[in-house]
Amino acid sequence: MQFTKINKSRHATYVLHVHLVFITKYRKPILGDLHHAS
């Protein structure tokens, strides 16, 4: 059970990371240099 719990936690972290990267890439053309400045 512990392995499954850890695996789910890692999967959730991976999904969250991919989601953040996707959002960043998607918003990049809109925000432009303003995003990189912050």
C-alpha atoms as a PDB file:
ATOM      1  CA  MET A   1       0.000   0.000   0.000  1.00  0.00           C
ATOM      2  CA  GLN A   2       2.837   2.377   0.829  1.00  0.00           C
ATOM      3  CA  PHE A   3       4.335   2.031  -2.651  1.00  0.00           C
ATOM      4  CA  THR A   4       0.982   2.849  -4.230  1.00  0.00           C
ATOM      5  CA  LYS A   5       0.613   5.899  -2.004  1.00  0.00           C
ATOM      6  CA  ILE A   6       4.077   7.188  -2.941  1.00  0.00           C
ATOM      7  CA  ASN A   7       3.454   6.441  -6.607  1.00  0.00           C
ATOM      8  CA  LYS A   8       0.211   8.432  -6.548  1.00  0.00           C
ATOM      9  CA  SER A   9       2.000  11.315  -4.863  1.00  0.00           C
ATOM     10  CA  ARG A  10       4.747  11.311  -7.486  1.00  0.00           C
ATOM     11  CA  HIS A  11       2.165  11.092 -10.265  1.00  0.00           C
ATOM     12  CA  ALA A  12       0.275  14.071  -8.832  1.00  0.00           C
ATOM     13  CA  THR A  13       3.511  16.074  -8.636  1.00  0.00           C
ATOM     14  CA  TYR A  14       4.409  15.091 -12.216  1.00  0.00           C
ATOM     15  CA  VAL A  15       0.973  16.082 -13.503  1.00  0.00           C
ATOM     16  CA  LEU A  16       1.160  19.393 -11.646  1.00  0.00           C
ATOM     17  CA  HIS A  17       4.618  20.109 -13.089  1.00  0.00           C
ATOM     18  CA  VAL A  18       3.509  19.295 -16.641  1.00  0.00           C
ATOM     19  CA  HIS A  19       0.432  21.469 -16.150  1.00  0.00           C
ATOM     20  CA  LEU A  20       2.549  24.419 -14.983  1.00  0.00           C
ATOM     21  CA  VAL A  21       4.954  24.006 -17.911  1.00  0.00           C
ATOM     22  CA  PHE A  22       2.042  23.817 -20.342  1.00  0.00           C
ATOM     23  CA  ILE A  23       0.426  26.936 -18.880  1.00  0.00           C
ATOM     24  CA  THR A  24       3.747  28.804 -19.014  1.00  0.00           C
ATOM     25  CA  LYS A  25       4.335  27.872 -22.653  1.00  0.00           C
ATOM     26  CA  TYR A  26       0.728  28.672 -23.540  1.00  0.00           C
ATOM     27  CA  ARG A  27       0.828  32.112 -21.906  1.00  0.00           C
ATOM     28  CA  LYS A  28       4.345  32.923 -23.140  1.00  0.00           C
ATOM     29  CA  PRO A  29       3.251  34.410 -26.502  1.00  0.00           C
ATOM     30  CA  ILE A  30       0.689  36.566 -24.682  1.00  0.00           C
ATOM     31  CA  LEU A  31       2.868  37.915 -21.878  1.00  0.00           C
ATOM     32  CA  GLY A  32       6.128  37.972 -23.801  1.00  0.00           C
ATOM     33  CA  ASP A  33       9.079  39.581 -22.007  1.00  0.00           C
ATOM     34  CA  LEU A  34       6.886  40.642 -19.089  1.00  0.00           C
ATOM     35  CA  HIS A  35       6.732  37.038 -17.904  1.00  0.00           C
ATOM     36  CA  HIS A  36      10.515  36.621 -18.065  1.00  0.00           C
ATOM     37  CA  ALA A  37      11.123  39.856 -16.185  1.00  0.00           C
ATOM     38  CA  SER A  38       9.288  38.675 -13.074  1.00  0.00           C
END
